[in-house]
Amino acid sequence: MSFMDFIASKMDKLKEPAKDLSSLPTQTYNALFERYKFSDFLPYMSFDENEGIYINNDNSYGCIFFASPRIRMGESTATAIEEMLSKLSDDTFLQFMLFGSKNIRNNVEYWKHEHLKRANFENNELLRKAVINMSEFYYSKTKEGVSRSMTAKIKNFILLISIKSDKKENIVQYKDTLKNILSANHFGGHLVKPQELKPILYEILNPNHDINGIIPPYDENCYINKQIIAPSTKIIIKDTHIEVDDKSYISLATQSLPKIAHISDFGEK
């Protein structure tokens, strides 16, 4: 049952005729004023370390791989995707997601750490200030265009490949197959564990929060879907879309997507 169908069923119950009472029955009152957390409708629940798969709250299983995005694709990429699809069982879903993350903290902090080692070794105060200023510049350009002529913001692009099925054995078997295909075709894929997945989900569901600040670490004693929405994030459900943290999310069918887009559009969306 979808989220909107669930709400509709609750509203239908409220429309049922009630007896002439001086106050609302407890059941009707609770149905009228009950509030549900948006996180309850997110499927991510827990991670099985031994099997390397996610257990979802809709009785399904899945796993996710990080892969290196291709700058351009050709025959070898098409062959790799064809092999993935040919070995995929009928009741297993395969999804590709290219995500431009504003979370560049690990990359920038590693770069800063390595260059500060040289500055400290040489006791070079000018170099130390230059490294710190440059790192702050990188962080600032995740929120605004790099320059007037280059309006795109700095992002860390990652390719996520996920599989999902109601049958656990399908995921366990295909997981190794997918890993071998990615490795053989130079995608450099590795299994995504909750420690890596949580920052991505946190950024998607809290887009106006400081992603390069401190994101609460993954807690293995708590369901994943209870950890990925900040308490201050405002969520509004509308008929046509969802507004999350003042950002609008909408699902479009392939035929609804624009046929032409300018590269500068990707700096704003």
C-alpha atoms as a PDB file:
ATOM      1  CA  MET A   1       0.000   0.000   0.000  1.00  0.00           C
ATOM      2  CA  SER A   2       1.398   3.405  -0.976  1.00  0.00           C
ATOM      3  CA  PHE A   3       1.637   6.314   1.451  1.00  0.00           C
ATOM      4  CA  MET A   4      -1.215   8.218  -0.251  1.00  0.00           C
ATOM      5  CA  ASP A   5      -3.457   5.105  -0.265  1.00  0.00           C
ATOM      6  CA  PHE A   6      -2.770   4.666   3.459  1.00  0.00           C
ATOM      7  CA  ILE A   7      -3.847   8.255   4.208  1.00  0.00           C
ATOM      8  CA  ALA A   8      -6.934   7.858   2.004  1.00  0.00           C
ATOM      9  CA  SER A   9      -8.022   4.746   3.912  1.00  0.00           C
ATOM     10  CA  LYS A  10      -7.720   6.623   7.203  1.00  0.00           C
ATOM     11  CA  MET A  11      -9.810   9.497   5.855  1.00  0.00           C
ATOM     12  CA  ASP A  12     -12.507   7.076   4.639  1.00  0.00           C
ATOM     13  CA  LYS A  13     -12.883   5.735   8.163  1.00  0.00           C
ATOM     14  CA  LEU A  14     -13.493   9.243   9.415  1.00  0.00           C
ATOM     15  CA  LYS A  15     -16.352   9.680   6.942  1.00  0.00           C
ATOM     16  CA  GLU A  16     -18.271   6.701   8.381  1.00  0.00           C
ATOM     17  CA  PRO A  17     -21.478   7.819  10.162  1.00  0.00           C
ATOM     18  CA  ALA A  18     -21.146   8.107  13.929  1.00  0.00           C
ATOM     19  CA  LYS A  19     -23.844   7.889  16.600  1.00  0.00           C
ATOM     20  CA  ASP A  20     -25.252  11.031  18.125  1.00  0.00           C
ATOM     21  CA  LEU A  21     -22.806  11.386  20.998  1.00  0.00           C
ATOM     22  CA  SER A  22     -21.757  14.400  22.996  1.00  0.00           C
ATOM     23  CA  SER A  23     -18.093  13.591  22.273  1.00  0.00           C
ATOM     24  CA  LEU A  24     -16.116  11.702  19.636  1.00  0.00           C
ATOM     25  CA  PRO A  25     -15.516   7.997  20.269  1.00  0.00           C
ATOM     26  CA  THR A  26     -11.926   7.283  21.292  1.00  0.00           C
ATOM     27  CA  GLN A  27     -11.235   5.298  18.106  1.00  0.00           C
ATOM     28  CA  THR A  28     -12.474   8.135  15.878  1.00  0.00           C
ATOM     29  CA  TYR A  29     -10.588  10.744  17.900  1.00  0.00           C
ATOM     30  CA  ASN A  30      -7.334   8.793  17.625  1.00  0.00           C
ATOM     31  CA  ALA A  31      -7.804   8.280  13.876  1.00  0.00           C
ATOM     32  CA  LEU A  32      -8.425  12.001  13.426  1.00  0.00           C
ATOM     33  CA  PHE A  33      -5.427  13.285  15.389  1.00  0.00           C
ATOM     34  CA  GLU A  34      -2.954  10.450  14.958  1.00  0.00           C
ATOM     35  CA  ARG A  35       0.335  11.489  13.382  1.00  0.00           C
ATOM     36  CA  TYR A  36       2.778   9.204  11.600  1.00  0.00           C
ATOM     37  CA  LYS A  37       6.496   9.683  11.145  1.00  0.00           C
ATOM     38  CA  PHE A  38       7.644   9.931   7.552  1.00  0.00           C
ATOM     39  CA  SER A  39      10.533   7.599   8.403  1.00  0.00           C
ATOM     40  CA  ASP A  40       8.011   4.786   9.033  1.00  0.00           C
ATOM     41  CA  PHE A  41       7.332   4.701   5.286  1.00  0.00           C
ATOM     42  CA  LEU A  42      10.999   4.378   4.298  1.00  0.00           C
ATOM     43  CA  PRO A  43      11.983   0.745   3.633  1.00  0.00           C
ATOM     44  CA  TYR A  44      15.509   0.772   5.093  1.00  0.00           C
ATOM     45  CA  MET A  45      15.490  -1.242   8.309  1.00  0.00           C
ATOM     46  CA  SER A  46      18.631  -3.230   9.134  1.00  0.00           C
ATOM     47  CA  PHE A  47      21.800  -4.737   7.674  1.00  0.00           C
ATOM     48  CA  ASP A  48      22.949  -8.358   7.907  1.00  0.00           C
ATOM     49  CA  GLU A  49      26.740  -8.251   8.291  1.00  0.00           C
ATOM     50  CA  ASN A  50      27.165 -11.979   7.630  1.00  0.00           C
ATOM     51  CA  GLU A  51      25.162 -12.019   4.394  1.00  0.00           C
ATOM     52  CA  GLY A  52      26.046  -8.465   3.342  1.00  0.00           C
ATOM     53  CA  ILE A  53      22.414  -7.572   2.533  1.00  0.00           C
ATOM     54  CA  TYR A  54      19.794  -5.099   3.729  1.00  0.00           C
ATOM     55  CA  ILE A  55      16.537  -6.256   5.321  1.00  0.00           C
ATOM     56  CA  ASN A  56      13.639  -3.928   4.504  1.00  0.00           C
ATOM     57  CA  ASN A  57      10.384  -3.316   6.355  1.00  0.00           C
ATOM     58  CA  ASP A  58       8.301  -4.296   3.289  1.00  0.00           C
ATOM     59  CA  ASN A  59       9.459  -7.935   3.531  1.00  0.00           C
ATOM     60  CA  SER A  60      12.106  -7.488   0.860  1.00  0.00           C
ATOM     61  CA  TYR A  61      15.899  -7.762   0.741  1.00  0.00           C
ATOM     62  CA  GLY A  62      18.552  -5.848  -1.149  1.00  0.00           C
ATOM     63  CA  CYS A  63      22.119  -4.672  -1.475  1.00  0.00           C
ATOM     64  CA  ILE A  64      23.875  -1.635  -2.919  1.00  0.00           C
ATOM     65  CA  PHE A  65      27.215  -1.194  -4.696  1.00  0.00           C
ATOM     66  CA  PHE A  66      29.336   1.903  -5.156  1.00  0.00           C
ATOM     67  CA  ALA A  67      30.736   2.156  -8.703  1.00  0.00           C
ATOM     68  CA  SER A  68      32.882   4.674 -10.536  1.00  0.00           C
ATOM     69  CA  PRO A  69      30.800   6.862 -12.903  1.00  0.00           C
ATOM     70  CA  ARG A  70      31.747   6.682 -16.574  1.00  0.00           C
ATOM     71  CA  ILE A  71      32.701   9.976 -18.211  1.00  0.00           C
ATOM     72  CA  ARG A  72      31.422   8.540 -21.456  1.00  0.00           C
ATOM     73  CA  MET A  73      29.942   5.175 -22.371  1.00  0.00           C
ATOM     74  CA  GLY A  74      30.530   2.925 -25.321  1.00  0.00           C
ATOM     75  CA  GLU A  75      30.292  -0.702 -26.401  1.00  0.00           C
ATOM     76  CA  SER A  76      32.067  -2.089 -23.311  1.00  0.00           C
ATOM     77  CA  THR A  77      29.618  -0.355 -20.964  1.00  0.00           C
ATOM     78  CA  ALA A  78      26.650  -1.615 -22.984  1.00  0.00           C
ATOM     79  CA  THR A  79      28.067  -5.145 -22.866  1.00  0.00           C
ATOM     80  CA  ALA A  80      28.481  -4.955 -19.083  1.00  0.00           C
ATOM     81  CA  ILE A  81      24.885  -3.761 -18.565  1.00  0.00           C
ATOM     82  CA  GLU A  82      23.594  -6.436 -20.931  1.00  0.00           C
ATOM     83  CA  GLU A  83      25.427  -9.087 -18.876  1.00  0.00           C
ATOM     84  CA  MET A  84      23.908  -7.708 -15.637  1.00  0.00           C
ATOM     85  CA  LEU A  85      20.400  -7.913 -17.090  1.00  0.00           C
ATOM     86  CA  SER A  86      20.833 -11.348 -18.660  1.00  0.00           C
ATOM     87  CA  LYS A  87      21.812 -12.886 -15.313  1.00  0.00           C
ATOM     88  CA  LEU A  88      19.095 -11.105 -13.350  1.00  0.00           C
ATOM     89  CA  SER A  89      16.162 -13.260 -12.199  1.00  0.00           C
ATOM     90  CA  ASP A  90      12.636 -12.194 -13.193  1.00  0.00           C
ATOM     91  CA  ASP A  91      11.576 -11.259  -9.658  1.00  0.00           C
ATOM     92  CA  THR A  92      14.652  -9.152  -8.859  1.00  0.00           C
ATOM     93  CA  PHE A  93      14.858  -5.408  -9.537  1.00  0.00           C
ATOM     94  CA  LEU A  94      18.029  -3.631 -10.678  1.00  0.00           C
ATOM     95  CA  GLN A  95      18.433   0.146 -10.301  1.00  0.00           C
ATOM     96  CA  PHE A  96      21.130   2.640 -11.338  1.00  0.00           C
ATOM     97  CA  MET A  97      21.401   6.016  -9.614  1.00  0.00           C
ATOM     98  CA  LEU A  98      23.938   8.739 -10.444  1.00  0.00           C
ATOM     99  CA  PHE A  99      24.112  11.065  -7.458  1.00  0.00           C
ATOM    100  CA  GLY A 100      25.929  14.392  -7.220  1.00  0.00           C
ATOM    101  CA  SER A 101      26.741  14.746  -3.527  1.00  0.00           C
ATOM    102  CA  LYS A 102      27.650  18.017  -1.836  1.00  0.00           C
ATOM    103  CA  ASN A 103      29.366  15.975   0.856  1.00  0.00           C
ATOM    104  CA  ILE A 104      33.031  16.433  -0.093  1.00  0.00           C
ATOM    105  CA  ARG A 105      34.321  16.419   3.467  1.00  0.00           C
ATOM    106  CA  ASN A 106      36.400  13.219   3.226  1.00  0.00           C
ATOM    107  CA  ASN A 107      38.048  14.325  -0.034  1.00  0.00           C
ATOM    108  CA  VAL A 108      38.833  17.855   1.151  1.00  0.00           C
ATOM    109  CA  GLU A 109      40.004  16.835   4.623  1.00  0.00           C
ATOM    110  CA  TYR A 110      42.359  14.217   3.174  1.00  0.00           C
ATOM    111  CA  TRP A 111      43.791  16.785   0.731  1.00  0.00           C
ATOM    112  CA  LYS A 112      44.153  19.361   3.527  1.00  0.00           C
ATOM    113  CA  HIS A 113      45.781  16.876   5.899  1.00  0.00           C
ATOM    114  CA  GLU A 114      48.413  15.812   3.346  1.00  0.00           C
ATOM    115  CA  HIS A 115      49.324  19.386   2.387  1.00  0.00           C
ATOM    116  CA  LEU A 116      49.403  20.601   5.991  1.00  0.00           C
ATOM    117  CA  LYS A 117      51.939  17.886   6.774  1.00  0.00           C
ATOM    118  CA  ARG A 118      54.300  19.514   4.273  1.00  0.00           C
ATOM    119  CA  ALA A 119      53.553  23.006   5.616  1.00  0.00           C
ATOM    120  CA  ASN A 120      54.251  21.900   9.186  1.00  0.00           C
ATOM    121  CA  PHE A 121      57.396  20.025   8.184  1.00  0.00           C
ATOM    122  CA  GLU A 122      58.749  23.121   6.412  1.00  0.00           C
ATOM    123  CA  ASN A 123      57.368  25.448   9.105  1.00  0.00           C
ATOM    124  CA  ASN A 124      55.815  27.429   6.243  1.00  0.00           C
ATOM    125  CA  GLU A 125      53.060  29.671   7.624  1.00  0.00           C
ATOM    126  CA  LEU A 126      52.183  31.066   4.178  1.00  0.00           C
ATOM    127  CA  LEU A 127      51.609  27.566   2.785  1.00  0.00           C
ATOM    128  CA  ARG A 128      49.561  26.616   5.858  1.00  0.00           C
ATOM    129  CA  LYS A 129      47.209  29.590   5.357  1.00  0.00           C
ATOM    130  CA  ALA A 130      46.937  28.881   1.626  1.00  0.00           C
ATOM    131  CA  VAL A 131      45.921  25.257   2.259  1.00  0.00           C
ATOM    132  CA  ILE A 132      43.288  26.244   4.835  1.00  0.00           C
ATOM    133  CA  ASN A 133      41.874  29.005   2.603  1.00  0.00           C
ATOM    134  CA  MET A 134      41.743  26.637  -0.372  1.00  0.00           C
ATOM    135  CA  SER A 135      39.860  23.997   1.600  1.00  0.00           C
ATOM    136  CA  GLU A 136      37.327  26.615   2.742  1.00  0.00           C
ATOM    137  CA  PHE A 137      36.958  27.678  -0.900  1.00  0.00           C
ATOM    138  CA  TYR A 138      36.084  24.098  -1.906  1.00  0.00           C
ATOM    139  CA  TYR A 139      33.434  23.867   0.824  1.00  0.00           C
ATOM    140  CA  SER A 140      31.876  27.218  -0.140  1.00  0.00           C
ATOM    141  CA  LYS A 141      31.525  26.185  -3.779  1.00  0.00           C
ATOM    142  CA  THR A 142      29.181  23.338  -2.852  1.00  0.00           C
ATOM    143  CA  LYS A 143      26.629  26.084  -2.088  1.00  0.00           C
ATOM    144  CA  GLU A 144      27.303  28.479  -4.963  1.00  0.00           C
ATOM    145  CA  GLY A 145      28.744  28.424  -8.472  1.00  0.00           C
ATOM    146  CA  VAL A 146      32.486  28.126  -8.914  1.00  0.00           C
ATOM    147  CA  SER A 147      32.577  31.389 -10.868  1.00  0.00           C
ATOM    148  CA  ARG A 148      30.346  33.720 -12.870  1.00  0.00           C
ATOM    149  CA  SER A 149      31.122  31.812 -16.050  1.00  0.00           C
ATOM    150  CA  MET A 150      30.821  28.389 -14.377  1.00  0.00           C
ATOM    151  CA  THR A 151      27.544  28.270 -12.434  1.00  0.00           C
ATOM    152  CA  ALA A 152      27.752  24.554 -11.609  1.00  0.00           C
ATOM    153  CA  LYS A 153      28.508  23.763  -7.965  1.00  0.00           C
ATOM    154  CA  ILE A 154      31.210  21.379  -6.771  1.00  0.00           C
ATOM    155  CA  LYS A 155      29.831  17.869  -6.284  1.00  0.00           C
ATOM    156  CA  ASN A 156      31.191  14.413  -5.641  1.00  0.00           C
ATOM    157  CA  PHE A 157      29.521  12.209  -8.246  1.00  0.00           C
ATOM    158  CA  ILE A 158      28.957   8.583  -7.329  1.00  0.00           C
ATOM    159  CA  LEU A 159      27.165   5.754  -9.105  1.00  0.00           C
ATOM    160  CA  LEU A 160      24.907   3.579  -6.961  1.00  0.00           C
ATOM    161  CA  ILE A 161      23.782   0.190  -8.280  1.00  0.00           C
ATOM    162  CA  SER A 162      21.155  -1.558  -6.176  1.00  0.00           C
ATOM    163  CA  ILE A 163      19.207  -4.805  -6.360  1.00  0.00           C
ATOM    164  CA  LYS A 164      16.018  -5.732  -4.522  1.00  0.00           C
ATOM    165  CA  SER A 165      13.867  -8.838  -4.260  1.00  0.00           C
ATOM    166  CA  ASP A 166      11.282 -10.462  -2.007  1.00  0.00           C
ATOM    167  CA  LYS A 167      13.426 -13.615  -2.065  1.00  0.00           C
ATOM    168  CA  LYS A 168      16.563 -13.512   0.057  1.00  0.00           C
ATOM    169  CA  GLU A 169      18.307 -16.256  -1.936  1.00  0.00           C
ATOM    170  CA  ASN A 170      18.057 -14.169  -5.125  1.00  0.00           C
ATOM    171  CA  ILE A 171      19.980 -11.300  -3.536  1.00  0.00           C
ATOM    172  CA  VAL A 172      22.606 -13.547  -1.953  1.00  0.00           C
ATOM    173  CA  GLN A 173      23.308 -15.307  -5.255  1.00  0.00           C
ATOM    174  CA  TYR A 174      23.188 -12.310  -7.585  1.00  0.00           C
ATOM    175  CA  LYS A 175      25.251 -10.095  -5.249  1.00  0.00           C
ATOM    176  CA  ASP A 176      28.473 -11.980  -6.024  1.00  0.00           C
ATOM    177  CA  THR A 177      27.628 -12.105  -9.725  1.00  0.00           C
ATOM    178  CA  LEU A 178      27.134  -8.343  -9.861  1.00  0.00           C
ATOM    179  CA  LYS A 179      30.362  -7.721  -7.960  1.00  0.00           C
ATOM    180  CA  ASN A 180      32.328  -9.842 -10.460  1.00  0.00           C
ATOM    181  CA  ILE A 181      30.762  -8.068 -13.460  1.00  0.00           C
ATOM    182  CA  LEU A 182      31.603  -4.637 -12.017  1.00  0.00           C
ATOM    183  CA  SER A 183      35.172  -5.677 -11.249  1.00  0.00           C
ATOM    184  CA  ALA A 184      35.752  -7.272 -14.663  1.00  0.00           C
ATOM    185  CA  ASN A 185      34.496  -4.160 -16.467  1.00  0.00           C
ATOM    186  CA  HIS A 186      36.541  -1.675 -14.408  1.00  0.00           C
ATOM    187  CA  PHE A 187      33.631  -0.120 -12.505  1.00  0.00           C
ATOM    188  CA  GLY A 188      35.521  -0.634  -9.256  1.00  0.00           C
ATOM    189  CA  GLY A 189      32.383  -1.541  -7.350  1.00  0.00           C
ATOM    190  CA  HIS A 190      32.255  -2.395  -3.665  1.00  0.00           C
ATOM    191  CA  LEU A 191      29.413  -3.272  -1.313  1.00  0.00           C
ATOM    192  CA  VAL A 192      27.881  -0.286   0.480  1.00  0.00           C
ATOM    193  CA  LYS A 193      27.449  -0.793   4.213  1.00  0.00           C
ATOM    194  CA  PRO A 194      25.233   1.378   6.442  1.00  0.00           C
ATOM    195  CA  GLN A 195      28.192   3.524   7.540  1.00  0.00           C
ATOM    196  CA  GLU A 196      28.497   4.715   3.906  1.00  0.00           C
ATOM    197  CA  LEU A 197      24.804   4.607   3.013  1.00  0.00           C
ATOM    198  CA  LYS A 198      23.561   6.750   5.887  1.00  0.00           C
ATOM    199  CA  PRO A 199      25.357   9.996   4.830  1.00  0.00           C
ATOM    200  CA  ILE A 200      23.858   9.662   1.332  1.00  0.00           C
ATOM    201  CA  LEU A 201      20.313   9.105   2.605  1.00  0.00           C
ATOM    202  CA  TYR A 202      20.816  11.880   5.163  1.00  0.00           C
ATOM    203  CA  GLU A 203      21.798  14.324   2.423  1.00  0.00           C
ATOM    204  CA  ILE A 204      18.837  13.369   0.201  1.00  0.00           C
ATOM    205  CA  LEU A 205      16.310  13.750   3.017  1.00  0.00           C
ATOM    206  CA  ASN A 206      17.886  16.852   4.633  1.00  0.00           C
ATOM    207  CA  PRO A 207      19.054  18.800   1.559  1.00  0.00           C
ATOM    208  CA  ASN A 208      19.277  22.216   3.230  1.00  0.00           C
ATOM    209  CA  HIS A 209      21.264  21.027   6.240  1.00  0.00           C
ATOM    210  CA  ASP A 210      25.025  21.426   6.494  1.00  0.00           C
ATOM    211  CA  ILE A 211      26.110  18.183   4.847  1.00  0.00           C
ATOM    212  CA  ASN A 212      29.807  18.970   5.300  1.00  0.00           C
ATOM    213  CA  GLY A 213      29.280  19.461   9.013  1.00  0.00           C
ATOM    214  CA  ILE A 214      28.978  16.641  11.495  1.00  0.00           C
ATOM    215  CA  ILE A 215      26.458  13.979  10.436  1.00  0.00           C
ATOM    216  CA  PRO A 216      25.445  11.717  13.339  1.00  0.00           C
ATOM    217  CA  PRO A 217      27.276   8.382  12.911  1.00  0.00           C
ATOM    218  CA  TYR A 218      25.461   5.165  12.103  1.00  0.00           C
ATOM    219  CA  ASP A 219      24.007   3.410  15.153  1.00  0.00           C
ATOM    220  CA  GLU A 220      23.769  -0.357  14.663  1.00  0.00           C
ATOM    221  CA  ASN A 221      21.309  -0.584  17.569  1.00  0.00           C
ATOM    222  CA  CYS A 222      18.719   1.582  15.803  1.00  0.00           C
ATOM    223  CA  TYR A 223      16.724   0.994  12.596  1.00  0.00           C
ATOM    224  CA  ILE A 224      18.305   2.753   9.614  1.00  0.00           C
ATOM    225  CA  ASN A 225      15.124   4.628   8.666  1.00  0.00           C
ATOM    226  CA  LYS A 226      15.022   6.172  12.142  1.00  0.00           C
ATOM    227  CA  GLN A 227      18.476   7.737  11.684  1.00  0.00           C
ATOM    228  CA  ILE A 228      18.261   9.544   8.358  1.00  0.00           C
ATOM    229  CA  ILE A 229      15.844  12.445   8.960  1.00  0.00           C
ATOM    230  CA  ALA A 230      16.968  15.338  11.147  1.00  0.00           C
ATOM    231  CA  PRO A 231      14.525  16.439  13.883  1.00  0.00           C
ATOM    232  CA  SER A 232      14.389  19.948  12.398  1.00  0.00           C
ATOM    233  CA  THR A 233      13.565  18.790   8.858  1.00  0.00           C
ATOM    234  CA  LYS A 234      10.086  19.874   7.739  1.00  0.00           C
ATOM    235  CA  ILE A 235       8.168  17.485   5.473  1.00  0.00           C
ATOM    236  CA  ILE A 236       4.958  18.458   3.639  1.00  0.00           C
ATOM    237  CA  ILE A 237       2.950  15.890   1.660  1.00  0.00           C
ATOM    238  CA  LYS A 238       1.045  17.335  -1.316  1.00  0.00           C
ATOM    239  CA  ASP A 239      -1.084  15.776  -4.045  1.00  0.00           C
ATOM    240  CA  THR A 240       1.550  16.201  -6.755  1.00  0.00           C
ATOM    241  CA  HIS A 241       4.835  16.111  -4.857  1.00  0.00           C
ATOM    242  CA  ILE A 242       6.615  16.035  -1.504  1.00  0.00           C
ATOM    243  CA  GLU A 243       8.459  18.989   0.031  1.00  0.00           C
ATOM    244  CA  VAL A 244      11.385  17.942   2.207  1.00  0.00           C
ATOM    245  CA  ASP A 245      13.482  20.579   3.954  1.00  0.00           C
ATOM    246  CA  ASP A 246      12.158  23.222   1.484  1.00  0.00           C
ATOM    247  CA  LYS A 247      13.128  21.067  -1.504  1.00  0.00           C
ATOM    248  CA  SER A 248      10.515  19.537  -3.817  1.00  0.00           C
ATOM    249  CA  TYR A 249      10.628  15.886  -4.868  1.00  0.00           C
ATOM    250  CA  ILE A 250       8.483  14.495  -7.668  1.00  0.00           C
ATOM    251  CA  SER A 251       8.500  11.191  -9.532  1.00  0.00           C
ATOM    252  CA  LEU A 252       8.304  11.440 -13.311  1.00  0.00           C
ATOM    253  CA  ALA A 253       7.768   8.737 -15.884  1.00  0.00           C
ATOM    254  CA  THR A 254      10.422   8.527 -18.600  1.00  0.00           C
ATOM    255  CA  GLN A 255       8.120  10.122 -21.182  1.00  0.00           C
ATOM    256  CA  SER A 256       7.634  13.108 -18.845  1.00  0.00           C
ATOM    257  CA  LEU A 257      11.314  14.016 -18.700  1.00  0.00           C
ATOM    258  CA  PRO A 258      12.533  16.925 -20.889  1.00  0.00           C
ATOM    259  CA  LYS A 259      14.095  15.876 -24.171  1.00  0.00           C
ATOM    260  CA  ILE A 260      16.736  18.608 -23.999  1.00  0.00           C
ATOM    261  CA  ALA A 261      18.596  20.005 -20.959  1.00  0.00           C
ATOM    262  CA  HIS A 262      21.498  22.433 -20.714  1.00  0.00           C
ATOM    263  CA  ILE A 263      24.535  21.309 -18.727  1.00  0.00           C
ATOM    264  CA  SER A 264      24.201  24.372 -16.478  1.00  0.00           C
ATOM    265  CA  ASP A 265      20.826  23.019 -15.285  1.00  0.00           C
ATOM    266  CA  PHE A 266      22.610  20.332 -13.315  1.00  0.00           C
ATOM    267  CA  GLY A 267      24.197  22.936 -11.068  1.00  0.00           C
ATOM    268  CA  GLU A 268      20.759  24.029  -9.881  1.00  0.00           C
ATOM    269  CA  LYS A 269      18.905  20.702  -9.568  1.00  0.00           C
END
